[in-house]
C-alpha atoms as a PDB file:
ATOM      1  CA  MET A   1     -50.884-102.551 135.145  1.00  0.00           C
ATOM      2  CA  SER A   2     -52.582 -99.932 133.167  1.00  0.00           C
ATOM      3  CA  ILE A   3     -56.279-100.534 132.424  1.00  0.00           C
ATOM      4  CA  ASP A   4     -57.569 -99.325 129.040  1.00  0.00           C
ATOM      5  CA  PRO A   5     -60.592 -96.922 129.800  1.00  0.00           C
ATOM      6  CA  ARG A   6     -62.647 -98.119 127.031  1.00  0.00           C
ATOM      7  CA  ALA A   7     -62.338-101.660 128.231  1.00  0.00           C
ATOM      8  CA  PHE A   8     -63.159-100.738 131.692  1.00  0.00           C
ATOM      9  CA  ARG A   9     -66.382 -98.863 130.529  1.00  0.00           C
ATOM     10  CA  ASP A  10     -67.136-102.034 128.507  1.00  0.00           C
ATOM     11  CA  ALA A  11     -66.655-104.387 131.522  1.00  0.00           C
ATOM     12  CA  MET A  12     -68.782-102.238 133.760  1.00  0.00           C
ATOM     13  CA  GLY A  13     -71.589-102.259 131.108  1.00  0.00           C
ATOM     14  CA  CYS A  14     -72.086-105.929 132.029  1.00  0.00           C
ATOM     15  CA  PHE A  15     -73.566-104.518 135.265  1.00  0.00           C
ATOM     16  CA  ALA A  16     -76.991-103.671 134.677  1.00  0.00           C
ATOM     17  CA  SER A  17     -78.058-100.577 136.403  1.00  0.00           C
ATOM     18  CA  ALA A  18     -81.435 -98.781 137.125  1.00  0.00           C
ATOM     19  CA  VAL A  19     -81.552 -95.250 135.221  1.00  0.00           C
ATOM     20  CA  THR A  20     -82.104 -92.050 137.391  1.00  0.00           C
ATOM     21  CA  VAL A  21     -82.253 -88.439 137.071  1.00  0.00           C
ATOM     22  CA  ILE A  22     -80.741 -86.657 139.766  1.00  0.00           C
ATOM     23  CA  SER A  23     -82.256 -83.178 140.144  1.00  0.00           C
ATOM     24  CA  THR A  24     -81.755 -79.822 142.024  1.00  0.00           C
ATOM     25  CA  THR A  25     -81.918 -76.107 141.571  1.00  0.00           C
ATOM     26  CA  THR A  26     -79.230 -73.404 140.728  1.00  0.00           C
ATOM     27  CA  GLU A  27     -78.886 -70.317 142.819  1.00  0.00           C
ATOM     28  CA  SER A  28     -81.290 -68.577 140.800  1.00  0.00           C
ATOM     29  CA  GLY A  29     -83.991 -71.223 141.374  1.00  0.00           C
ATOM     30  CA  GLU A  30     -83.721 -72.797 137.897  1.00  0.00           C
ATOM     31  CA  ALA A  31     -84.591 -76.594 137.763  1.00  0.00           C
ATOM     32  CA  ILE A  32     -81.656 -78.822 136.612  1.00  0.00           C
ATOM     33  CA  GLY A  33     -81.097 -82.679 136.368  1.00  0.00           C
ATOM     34  CA  VAL A  34     -78.578 -84.859 134.784  1.00  0.00           C
ATOM     35  CA  THR A  35     -78.964 -88.716 133.813  1.00  0.00           C
ATOM     36  CA  VAL A  36     -77.069 -90.806 136.222  1.00  0.00           C
ATOM     37  CA  ASN A  37     -76.744 -94.604 136.613  1.00  0.00           C
ATOM     38  CA  SER A  38     -74.292 -94.618 139.375  1.00  0.00           C
ATOM     39  CA  PHE A  39     -76.753 -94.589 142.246  1.00  0.00           C
ATOM     40  CA  ASN A  40     -76.719 -96.827 145.344  1.00  0.00           C
ATOM     41  CA  SER A  41     -77.854 -96.993 148.947  1.00  0.00           C
ATOM     42  CA  VAL A  42     -75.333 -96.648 151.472  1.00  0.00           C
ATOM     43  CA  SER A  43     -76.939 -97.041 155.020  1.00  0.00           C
ATOM     44  CA  LEU A  44     -80.436 -97.771 156.489  1.00  0.00           C
ATOM     45  CA  GLU A  45     -79.811 -95.917 159.873  1.00  0.00           C
ATOM     46  CA  PRO A  46     -79.409 -93.151 159.064  1.00  0.00           C
ATOM     47  CA  PRO A  47     -80.992 -93.410 155.414  1.00  0.00           C
ATOM     48  CA  LEU A  48     -78.114 -92.441 152.982  1.00  0.00           C
ATOM     49  CA  VAL A  49     -77.664 -92.917 149.128  1.00  0.00           C
ATOM     50  CA  LEU A  50     -75.068 -91.789 146.840  1.00  0.00           C
ATOM     51  CA  PHE A  51     -74.486 -90.920 143.249  1.00  0.00           C
ATOM     52  CA  CYS A  52     -71.431 -90.092 141.259  1.00  0.00           C
ATOM     53  CA  LEU A  53     -70.962 -87.203 139.182  1.00  0.00           C
ATOM     54  CA  GLY A  54     -68.334 -86.317 136.681  1.00  0.00           C
ATOM     55  CA  ARG A  55     -66.298 -83.252 137.247  1.00  0.00           C
ATOM     56  CA  GLU A  56     -66.956 -82.245 133.568  1.00  0.00           C
ATOM     57  CA  ALA A  57     -70.781 -82.538 133.899  1.00  0.00           C
ATOM     58  CA  THR A  58     -72.397 -79.256 132.820  1.00  0.00           C
ATOM     59  CA  ASN A  59     -74.112 -78.405 135.995  1.00  0.00           C
ATOM     60  CA  PHE A  60     -71.339 -79.817 138.376  1.00  0.00           C
ATOM     61  CA  ASP A  61     -71.065 -76.778 140.376  1.00  0.00           C
ATOM     62  CA  HIS A  62     -74.775 -76.310 140.836  1.00  0.00           C
ATOM     63  CA  PHE A  63     -75.034 -79.804 142.284  1.00  0.00           C
ATOM     64  CA  LEU A  64     -72.260 -78.794 144.850  1.00  0.00           C
ATOM     65  CA  ALA A  65     -73.630 -75.550 145.806  1.00  0.00           C
ATOM     66  CA  SER A  66     -77.340 -76.414 146.255  1.00  0.00           C
ATOM     67  CA  GLY A  67     -76.828 -78.765 149.294  1.00  0.00           C
ATOM     68  CA  ARG A  68     -79.604 -80.873 148.307  1.00  0.00           C
ATOM     69  CA  PHE A  69     -80.970 -83.314 145.442  1.00  0.00           C
ATOM     70  CA  ALA A  70     -83.690 -85.678 144.504  1.00  0.00           C
ATOM     71  CA  VAL A  71     -83.024 -88.912 142.884  1.00  0.00           C
ATOM     72  CA  ASN A  72     -85.907 -89.890 140.356  1.00  0.00           C
ATOM     73  CA  ILE A  73     -85.667 -93.678 139.559  1.00  0.00           C
ATOM     74  CA  LEU A  74     -87.140 -93.968 135.933  1.00  0.00           C
ATOM     75  CA  ARG A  75     -89.683 -96.441 134.780  1.00  0.00           C
ATOM     76  CA  GLN A  76     -89.347 -98.826 132.060  1.00  0.00           C
ATOM     77  CA  ASP A  77     -90.992 -96.420 129.549  1.00  0.00           C
ATOM     78  CA  GLN A  78     -89.205 -93.288 130.317  1.00  0.00           C
ATOM     79  CA  ASP A  79     -86.092 -93.601 128.011  1.00  0.00           C
ATOM     80  CA  ASP A  80     -86.975 -90.240 126.389  1.00  0.00           C
ATOM     81  CA  ILE A  81     -86.865 -88.439 129.774  1.00  0.00           C
ATOM     82  CA  SER A  82     -83.568 -90.302 130.292  1.00  0.00           C
ATOM     83  CA  SER A  83     -82.189 -89.295 126.815  1.00  0.00           C
ATOM     84  CA  GLY A  84     -83.483 -85.764 127.388  1.00  0.00           C
ATOM     85  CA  PHE A  85     -81.487 -85.098 130.583  1.00  0.00           C
ATOM     86  CA  ALA A  86     -78.543 -86.782 129.051  1.00  0.00           C
ATOM     87  CA  SER A  87     -78.423 -84.323 126.180  1.00  0.00           C
ATOM     88  CA  ASP A  88     -80.178 -81.203 127.947  1.00  0.00           C
ATOM     89  CA  GLY A  89     -80.153 -81.464 131.662  1.00  0.00           C
ATOM     90  CA  GLY A  90     -80.126 -77.791 132.031  1.00  0.00           C
ATOM     91  CA  ASN A  91     -83.152 -77.193 130.202  1.00  0.00           C
ATOM     92  CA  TYR A  92     -85.020 -80.415 130.012  1.00  0.00           C
ATOM     93  CA  PHE A  93     -87.271 -79.433 132.829  1.00  0.00           C
ATOM     94  CA  ARG A  94     -89.099 -77.128 130.596  1.00  0.00           C
ATOM     95  CA  ASN A  95     -90.449 -80.083 128.774  1.00  0.00           C
ATOM     96  CA  LEU A  96     -91.973 -81.612 131.760  1.00  0.00           C
ATOM     97  CA  ASP A  97     -94.852 -80.958 134.018  1.00  0.00           C
ATOM     98  CA  SER A  98     -92.634 -81.408 137.080  1.00  0.00           C
ATOM     99  CA  GLY A  99     -93.390 -81.157 140.813  1.00  0.00           C
ATOM    100  CA  ILE A 100     -91.187 -79.760 143.732  1.00  0.00           C
ATOM    101  CA  SER A 101     -90.224 -81.922 146.616  1.00  0.00           C
ATOM    102  CA  ALA A 102     -90.412 -80.872 150.308  1.00  0.00           C
ATOM    103  CA  LEU A 103     -86.789 -79.787 150.155  1.00  0.00           C
ATOM    104  CA  GLY A 104     -87.331 -77.735 147.043  1.00  0.00           C
ATOM    105  CA  ASN A 105     -86.035 -80.204 144.576  1.00  0.00           C
ATOM    106  CA  PRO A 106     -87.746 -80.418 141.104  1.00  0.00           C
ATOM    107  CA  LEU A 107     -89.402 -83.632 140.634  1.00  0.00           C
ATOM    108  CA  VAL A 108     -89.650 -85.654 137.437  1.00  0.00           C
ATOM    109  CA  PRO A 109     -93.232 -86.775 136.836  1.00  0.00           C
ATOM    110  CA  ASP A 110     -94.484 -90.526 137.270  1.00  0.00           C
ATOM    111  CA  THR A 111     -91.203 -91.963 138.303  1.00  0.00           C
ATOM    112  CA  LEU A 112     -90.790 -95.456 139.769  1.00  0.00           C
ATOM    113  CA  ALA A 113     -89.485 -94.023 143.075  1.00  0.00           C
ATOM    114  CA  MET A 114     -88.157 -90.708 144.402  1.00  0.00           C
ATOM    115  CA  PHE A 115     -85.829 -90.092 147.270  1.00  0.00           C
ATOM    116  CA  ASP A 116     -85.392 -86.185 148.457  1.00  0.00           C
ATOM    117  CA  CYS A 117     -81.851 -85.862 150.075  1.00  0.00           C
ATOM    118  CA  GLU A 118     -79.764 -83.169 151.823  1.00  0.00           C
ATOM    119  CA  LEU A 119     -76.252 -83.227 150.795  1.00  0.00           C
ATOM    120  CA  GLU A 120     -74.376 -85.425 153.784  1.00  0.00           C
ATOM    121  CA  ALA A 121     -71.008 -85.511 152.233  1.00  0.00           C
ATOM    122  CA  VAL A 122     -68.840 -85.120 149.289  1.00  0.00           C
ATOM    123  CA  HIS A 123     -65.787 -87.458 148.359  1.00  0.00           C
ATOM    124  CA  GLU A 124     -63.253 -87.311 145.807  1.00  0.00           C
ATOM    125  CA  GLY A 125     -63.522 -90.145 143.130  1.00  0.00           C
ATOM    126  CA  GLY A 126     -60.981 -89.630 140.628  1.00  0.00           C
ATOM    127  CA  ASP A 127     -62.670 -87.937 137.436  1.00  0.00           C
ATOM    128  CA  HIS A 128     -66.031 -87.961 139.541  1.00  0.00           C
ATOM    129  CA  VAL A 129     -66.954 -86.894 142.966  1.00  0.00           C
ATOM    130  CA  ILE A 130     -69.462 -88.974 145.172  1.00  0.00           C
ATOM    131  CA  LEU A 131     -72.215 -87.052 146.830  1.00  0.00           C
ATOM    132  CA  VAL A 132     -73.732 -88.812 149.610  1.00  0.00           C
ATOM    133  CA  GLY A 133     -77.195 -87.620 150.531  1.00  0.00           C
ATOM    134  CA  ARG A 134     -79.368 -88.100 153.756  1.00  0.00           C
ATOM    135  CA  VAL A 135     -83.031 -89.179 152.568  1.00  0.00           C
ATOM    136  CA  ASN A 136     -85.698 -86.809 154.025  1.00  0.00           C
ATOM    137  CA  GLU A 137     -88.526 -88.108 152.219  1.00  0.00           C
ATOM    138  CA  LEU A 138     -89.158 -91.128 149.754  1.00  0.00           C
ATOM    139  CA  ARG A 139     -91.955 -92.611 147.610  1.00  0.00           C
ATOM    140  CA  HIS A 140     -92.168 -95.565 145.379  1.00  0.00           C
ATOM    141  CA  ASP A 141     -94.554 -97.638 143.289  1.00  0.00           C
ATOM    142  CA  PRO A 142     -94.600-101.385 144.240  1.00  0.00           C
ATOM    143  CA  GLU A 143     -95.960-102.387 140.725  1.00  0.00           C
ATOM    144  CA  GLY A 144     -93.724-100.798 138.320  1.00  0.00           C
ATOM    145  CA  ASP A 145     -90.699-101.775 136.558  1.00  0.00           C
ATOM    146  CA  PRO A 146     -87.528 -99.931 136.100  1.00  0.00           C
ATOM    147  CA  LEU A 147     -85.690 -98.467 133.183  1.00  0.00           C
ATOM    148  CA  LEU A 148     -82.262-100.491 133.071  1.00  0.00           C
ATOM    149  CA  TYR A 149     -78.952 -99.385 131.288  1.00  0.00           C
ATOM    150  CA  TYR A 150     -76.978-102.575 130.308  1.00  0.00           C
ATOM    151  CA  ARG A 151     -74.168-102.949 127.985  1.00  0.00           C
ATOM    152  CA  GLY A 152     -74.436 -99.232 126.612  1.00  0.00           C
ATOM    153  CA  ARG A 153     -78.073 -99.298 125.664  1.00  0.00           C
ATOM    154  CA  TYR A 154     -81.540 -99.259 127.644  1.00  0.00           C
ATOM    155  CA  SER A 155     -83.039-102.650 128.665  1.00  0.00           C
ATOM    156  CA  ALA A 156     -85.942-104.002 130.497  1.00  0.00           C
ATOM    157  CA  VAL A 157     -86.508-106.655 133.490  1.00  0.00           C
ATOM    158  CA  GLY A 158     -86.796-109.888 131.847  1.00  0.00           C
ATOM    159  CA  THR A 159     -89.575-112.138 132.869  1.00  0.00           C
END
């Protein structure tokens, strides 16, 4: 049976997910990022996370070559940052007062949570690759709410 890609995407849109910006640097040291909602925890011991990156992503080769990345979980009011990285990930850090992680990854300011990771493994995943990272450092705000993506648009946690 063949699954229609649009129907698959629409059905997956029923799964609300947090919005993240995954960031790293190029070989020349330029900060880059990409908006991603396919992010998950993998293991507590050792602490591992994963995200999926499309093979057609503008900065695909840079993410594979860097050997490290940061996961920046966006706050409910950071939809402009998500949109900025979705449309111009190679340059959007120029618009932010970003920091640098212990591993040298660029960090989006004032995020809900951050995971600083070394690349542990890369797996094939159809038109994407699955990048697994070992978490070396993390931080989070226990009071904030995440930016969500649901049915093709930004959403918020309901009360």
